[in-house]
Amino acid sequence: MIRTILMLGFWAVLLPFAALLGFPWTILTGDVSFLYRMGMWGAWTGIRLAGIRVQTVGLDTLDPARTYIFMSNHVSNVDPPILLPLIPRRTSVMVKKELFSYPILGRVMRFGSLVPVDRGNRESGIAAVRAAADVIRQGVNMSIYIEGHRSYDGKLLPFKKGPFYLAEECGVPVVPVTIVGTHYVMPKKRFSIKPGTVSVIFHEPIEPEDFSSRDCLMAKVRHAINGGLPPEMQETNPITTKDTKVHEGTASA
C-alpha cells in the first residue's frame, strides 16, 4: 500500500509542474513533444517508485524510424504507464471522449493526437478508427489494448474488430505485445501494488503484405500474444493454422 501511495503521490506532485510548464508551452507552440516526454518520464518514474521492475523482449528488433500499430493484452491499471514509455518515438492512444470536455486537458490531448472514443456507440467507434488512421498517417504510432477491457484472470478476452480495420486501412506493420506480470503486481479491482517484475514482449512485426485478410491478421496477433503468456494463462486450444505462425523477438533487457 505504501508503494502505491508513493507512486500516486509522485504523480499528484508532478501534475501541477506539468500544468505550469508543459501545458502553456504546448498551447502556445502547438508542439506536444516536451509535454509528452515529461509525461512518459513521470509514468516510468512512478512505476519504479512502486517497486515494479520491467524486462523487455524483442524491443531491439523494432525500427524506431518506422510507424507501427502496437496491439497488446490488458490486465491491469499499470499496463499503460509500463508500456507507453517503452514505445519508440511518440504513440497515440484511444481515450474516453468525456475527457476531451475538460478545456485545458482536452486541448492538450488534441495537440497530442489522442483519439476520443465512445465504447458504447458504434458510429463513434467508426469515427475513432478514421481519426486513428489520420494520426498514423502523420507518422505517430498507435497503441491499442486489443481486448477493449482488462481481463480478470490474465487470460485473453475476445478481440475488438476495429483495430484490424485500422491496420488494413493504414497498411503499417502490426506489433503484437504480451504484458506478463501486471496481473500479479496489481490485478483488476485491487488498489495496492505488490512489488515484482513485469515482462513486456514485443513480438516480430506483422508486415502489411502478410495480413492476407482481416481474420487472418486477428488470428496471427492472437496467436502471438497468447504464446507469450504463462502456460496457465494460455488458451487451451491455440490457433494452429499455417497463417498464424509468428516468430518471437529476442531479449533486449
Protein backbone atom coordinates (compact mmCIF):
# COMPACT_ATOMS: atom_id res chain seq x y z
CA MET A 1 0.00 0.00 0.00
CA ILE A 2 2.86 2.39 0.86
CA ARG A 3 4.41 1.98 -2.59
CA THR A 4 1.06 2.62 -4.25
CA ILE A 5 0.61 5.83 -2.27
CA LEU A 6 4.19 6.83 -3.12
CA MET A 7 3.55 6.34 -6.84
CA LEU A 8 0.23 8.21 -6.80
CA GLY A 9 1.73 10.95 -4.63
CA PHE A 10 4.57 11.44 -7.09
CA TRP A 11 2.12 11.71 -9.98
CA ALA A 12 0.00 14.17 -7.97
CA VAL A 13 3.06 16.37 -7.36
CA LEU A 14 4.20 16.11 -10.98
CA LEU A 15 0.83 17.13 -12.41
CA PRO A 16 0.99 20.80 -11.28
CA PHE A 17 4.52 21.10 -12.72
CA ALA A 18 3.25 19.68 -16.00
CA ALA A 19 0.38 22.16 -15.91
CA LEU A 20 2.66 25.13 -15.20
CA LEU A 21 5.45 24.23 -17.62
CA GLY A 22 4.18 21.81 -20.22
CA PHE A 23 0.62 22.98 -20.85
CA PRO A 24 1.41 26.65 -21.65
CA TRP A 25 4.30 25.67 -23.92
CA THR A 26 2.16 23.13 -25.75
CA ILE A 27 -0.74 25.53 -26.19
CA LEU A 28 1.48 28.43 -27.34
CA THR A 29 3.66 26.46 -29.76
CA GLY A 30 1.37 23.61 -30.74
CA ASP A 31 4.32 21.28 -30.07
CA VAL A 32 3.42 18.47 -27.69
CA SER A 33 6.86 16.80 -27.61
CA PHE A 34 8.04 18.45 -24.37
CA LEU A 35 4.84 17.59 -22.51
CA TYR A 36 4.91 14.08 -23.95
CA ARG A 37 8.46 13.46 -22.75
CA MET A 38 7.55 14.83 -19.33
CA GLY A 39 4.51 12.54 -19.16
CA MET A 40 6.45 9.45 -20.19
CA TRP A 41 9.24 10.19 -17.71
CA GLY A 42 6.68 10.70 -14.95
CA ALA A 43 4.86 7.48 -15.80
CA TRP A 44 8.07 5.44 -15.83
CA THR A 45 9.42 7.00 -12.63
CA GLY A 46 6.15 6.34 -10.81
CA ILE A 47 6.28 2.69 -11.82
CA ARG A 48 9.83 2.39 -10.49
CA LEU A 49 8.82 4.02 -7.21
CA ALA A 50 6.10 1.41 -6.87
CA GLY A 51 8.75 -1.31 -6.89
CA ILE A 52 7.93 -2.65 -10.35
CA ARG A 53 10.90 -3.84 -12.41
CA VAL A 54 10.40 -4.13 -16.16
CA GLN A 55 12.10 -6.55 -18.56
CA THR A 56 11.65 -6.22 -22.32
CA VAL A 57 11.84 -8.84 -25.04
CA GLY A 58 12.11 -8.01 -28.74
CA LEU A 59 12.20 -4.22 -28.37
CA ASP A 60 15.61 -4.04 -30.03
CA THR A 61 14.23 -5.65 -33.20
CA LEU A 62 11.93 -2.70 -33.95
CA ASP A 63 12.96 0.06 -36.34
CA PRO A 64 12.48 3.38 -34.47
CA ALA A 65 12.12 5.19 -37.80
CA ARG A 66 9.01 3.20 -38.77
CA THR A 67 5.41 3.72 -37.70
CA TYR A 68 3.67 0.79 -36.03
CA ILE A 69 0.33 -0.23 -34.56
CA PHE A 70 1.01 -1.90 -31.22
CA MET A 71 -1.69 -4.37 -30.14
CA SER A 72 -1.42 -5.51 -26.53
CA ASN A 73 -3.25 -7.57 -23.96
CA HIS A 74 -4.60 -5.73 -20.91
CA VAL A 75 -4.89 -6.99 -17.34
CA SER A 76 -4.03 -4.11 -15.01
CA ASN A 77 -4.22 -0.35 -14.46
CA VAL A 78 -0.42 -0.23 -14.51
CA ASP A 79 -0.24 -1.54 -18.10
CA PRO A 80 -0.30 1.92 -19.75
CA PRO A 81 2.44 3.57 -17.62
CA ILE A 82 4.61 0.50 -18.22
CA LEU A 83 4.04 0.02 -21.96
CA LEU A 84 3.77 3.52 -23.40
CA PRO A 85 7.19 4.85 -22.27
CA LEU A 86 8.85 1.82 -23.90
CA ILE A 87 7.49 2.50 -27.38
CA PRO A 88 9.98 4.14 -29.76
CA ARG A 89 9.01 7.74 -30.57
CA ARG A 90 5.59 9.14 -29.75
CA THR A 91 2.50 7.00 -29.61
CA SER A 92 -1.17 7.87 -29.57
CA VAL A 93 -3.90 6.00 -27.71
CA MET A 94 -7.68 5.92 -27.70
CA VAL A 95 -9.26 7.57 -24.64
CA LYS A 96 -12.77 8.15 -23.35
CA LYS A 97 -14.34 11.05 -25.21
CA GLU A 98 -15.60 12.57 -21.94
CA LEU A 99 -12.04 13.60 -21.05
CA PHE A 100 -11.97 15.89 -24.07
CA SER A 101 -14.68 18.04 -22.47
CA TYR A 102 -12.17 19.44 -19.94
CA PRO A 103 -10.95 22.72 -21.51
CA ILE A 104 -7.18 22.57 -20.96
CA LEU A 105 -6.82 18.79 -20.83
CA GLY A 106 -8.95 18.32 -23.92
CA ARG A 107 -6.93 20.85 -25.88
CA VAL A 108 -3.63 19.26 -24.91
CA MET A 109 -4.92 15.78 -25.80
CA ARG A 110 -5.90 17.08 -29.21
CA PHE A 111 -2.42 18.54 -29.64
CA GLY A 112 -1.09 15.12 -28.68
CA SER A 113 -3.23 13.45 -31.38
CA LEU A 114 -5.08 11.29 -28.86
CA VAL A 115 -8.23 9.73 -30.27
CA PRO A 116 -11.62 10.11 -28.50
CA VAL A 117 -13.87 7.08 -28.48
CA ASP A 118 -17.27 6.15 -27.04
CA ARG A 119 -17.21 2.40 -26.43
CA GLY A 120 -20.98 2.13 -26.34
CA ASN A 121 -21.56 3.89 -29.66
CA ARG A 122 -20.87 2.02 -32.90
CA GLU A 123 -20.77 5.18 -35.04
CA SER A 124 -18.32 6.73 -32.59
CA GLY A 125 -16.16 3.61 -32.92
CA ILE A 126 -16.07 4.00 -36.70
CA ALA A 127 -15.16 7.68 -36.32
CA ALA A 128 -12.40 6.72 -33.88
CA VAL A 129 -10.90 4.31 -36.40
CA ARG A 130 -10.87 7.05 -39.04
CA ALA A 131 -9.31 9.53 -36.60
CA ALA A 132 -6.67 6.97 -35.63
CA ALA A 133 -5.87 6.41 -39.30
CA ASP A 134 -5.23 10.15 -39.72
CA VAL A 135 -2.88 10.06 -36.72
CA ILE A 136 -0.92 7.12 -38.13
CA ARG A 137 -0.57 8.86 -41.50
CA GLN A 138 1.15 11.70 -39.62
CA GLY A 139 3.86 9.23 -38.57
CA VAL A 140 2.63 8.75 -34.99
CA ASN A 141 2.45 5.22 -33.58
CA MET A 142 -0.85 3.89 -32.27
CA SER A 143 -1.07 1.69 -29.15
CA ILE A 144 -4.25 -0.30 -28.61
CA TYR A 145 -5.38 -2.65 -25.86
CA ILE A 146 -6.94 -5.05 -28.26
CA GLU A 147 -9.43 -6.67 -25.87
CA GLY A 148 -11.04 -3.33 -25.00
CA HIS A 149 -11.26 -4.21 -21.30
CA ARG A 150 -8.99 -5.59 -18.60
CA SER A 151 -9.00 -9.34 -18.06
CA TYR A 152 -9.82 -10.63 -14.56
CA ASP A 153 -7.66 -13.76 -14.73
CA GLY A 154 -4.92 -12.79 -17.18
CA LYS A 155 -6.36 -14.92 -19.99
CA LEU A 156 -7.19 -13.29 -23.32
CA LEU A 157 -10.66 -11.88 -23.87
CA PRO A 158 -12.29 -11.64 -27.32
CA PHE A 159 -10.58 -9.06 -29.54
CA LYS A 160 -12.25 -5.90 -30.83
CA LYS A 161 -12.51 -5.78 -34.63
CA GLY A 162 -11.98 -2.04 -35.14
CA PRO A 163 -8.18 -2.08 -34.76
CA PHE A 164 -7.89 -4.65 -37.53
CA TYR A 165 -9.90 -2.46 -39.89
CA LEU A 166 -7.46 0.29 -38.92
CA ALA A 167 -4.44 -1.87 -39.72
CA GLU A 168 -5.82 -2.80 -43.14
CA GLU A 169 -6.67 0.79 -43.98
CA CYS A 170 -3.29 2.23 -42.98
CA GLY A 171 -1.08 -0.56 -44.23
CA VAL A 172 1.55 -0.24 -41.48
CA PRO A 173 3.15 -3.12 -39.56
CA VAL A 174 1.32 -4.52 -36.55
CA VAL A 175 3.36 -5.40 -33.45
CA PRO A 176 1.65 -7.86 -31.08
CA VAL A 177 2.64 -7.18 -27.46
CA THR A 178 2.30 -9.50 -24.48
CA ILE A 179 2.43 -7.97 -21.00
CA VAL A 180 3.21 -10.56 -18.34
CA GLY A 181 3.24 -9.96 -14.59
CA THR A 182 0.95 -6.97 -14.09
CA HIS A 183 -1.83 -9.42 -13.21
CA TYR A 184 0.20 -10.27 -10.11
CA VAL A 185 1.52 -6.84 -9.12
CA MET A 186 -1.86 -5.11 -9.49
CA PRO A 187 -4.81 -7.26 -10.62
CA LYS A 188 -8.15 -5.80 -11.58
CA LYS A 189 -10.14 -4.42 -8.62
CA ARG A 190 -7.11 -4.25 -6.32
CA PHE A 191 -5.77 -0.83 -5.33
CA SER A 192 -2.47 -1.77 -3.75
CA ILE A 193 0.62 -2.70 -5.79
CA LYS A 194 2.81 -5.66 -4.94
CA PRO A 195 6.47 -5.14 -5.98
CA GLY A 196 7.56 -7.52 -8.69
CA THR A 197 8.93 -8.00 -12.18
CA VAL A 198 6.90 -7.41 -15.33
CA SER A 199 7.90 -8.64 -18.77
CA VAL A 200 6.83 -6.83 -21.94
CA ILE A 201 7.26 -8.98 -25.06
CA PHE A 202 7.34 -7.19 -28.41
CA HIS A 203 6.70 -9.89 -30.99
CA GLU A 204 8.03 -9.71 -34.51
CA PRO A 205 6.10 -7.13 -36.59
CA ILE A 206 3.48 -8.48 -38.97
CA GLU A 207 4.05 -6.70 -42.27
CA PRO A 208 1.08 -5.41 -44.34
CA GLU A 209 1.84 -7.83 -47.18
CA ASP A 210 1.39 -10.69 -44.69
CA PHE A 211 -2.07 -9.62 -43.49
CA SER A 212 -3.87 -11.82 -46.09
CA SER A 213 -7.24 -10.93 -44.58
CA ARG A 214 -8.63 -9.22 -41.51
CA ASP A 215 -9.47 -12.55 -39.87
CA CYS A 216 -6.03 -13.90 -40.65
CA LEU A 217 -4.38 -10.85 -39.11
CA MET A 218 -6.53 -11.19 -35.99
CA ALA A 219 -5.53 -14.86 -35.72
CA LYS A 220 -1.85 -14.04 -36.07
CA VAL A 221 -1.99 -11.33 -33.41
CA ARG A 222 -3.91 -13.58 -31.01
CA HIS A 223 -1.51 -16.46 -31.61
CA ALA A 224 1.48 -14.25 -30.85
CA ILE A 225 0.08 -12.61 -27.71
CA ASN A 226 -1.25 -15.92 -26.38
CA GLY A 227 2.13 -17.59 -26.97
CA GLY A 228 3.84 -15.05 -24.72
CA LEU A 229 1.55 -15.68 -21.74
CA PRO A 230 2.47 -18.06 -18.90
CA PRO A 231 1.29 -21.64 -19.62
CA GLU A 232 -1.50 -21.44 -17.04
CA MET A 233 -2.98 -18.40 -18.81
CA GLN A 234 -2.68 -19.61 -22.39
CA GLU A 235 -5.73 -20.70 -24.33
CA THR A 236 -6.23 -24.45 -24.19
CA ASN A 237 -6.94 -24.66 -27.93
CA PRO A 238 -4.44 -22.28 -29.54
CA ILE A 239 -4.75 -21.48 -33.23
CA THR A 240 -2.51 -23.78 -35.23
CA THR A 241 -3.19 -22.92 -38.88
CA LYS A 242 -0.18 -22.08 -41.04
CA ASP A 243 -1.40 -18.48 -41.34
CA THR A 244 -0.83 -17.83 -37.66
CA LYS A 245 2.89 -18.53 -37.35
CA VAL A 246 4.65 -15.62 -35.65
CA HIS A 247 8.31 -15.62 -34.65
CA GLU A 248 9.30 -14.44 -31.20
CA GLY A 249 11.52 -11.38 -30.66
CA THR A 250 14.91 -11.54 -28.96
CA ALA A 251 15.67 -10.37 -25.45
CA SER A 252 16.88 -6.79 -25.06
CA ALA A 253 16.96 -6.35 -21.30
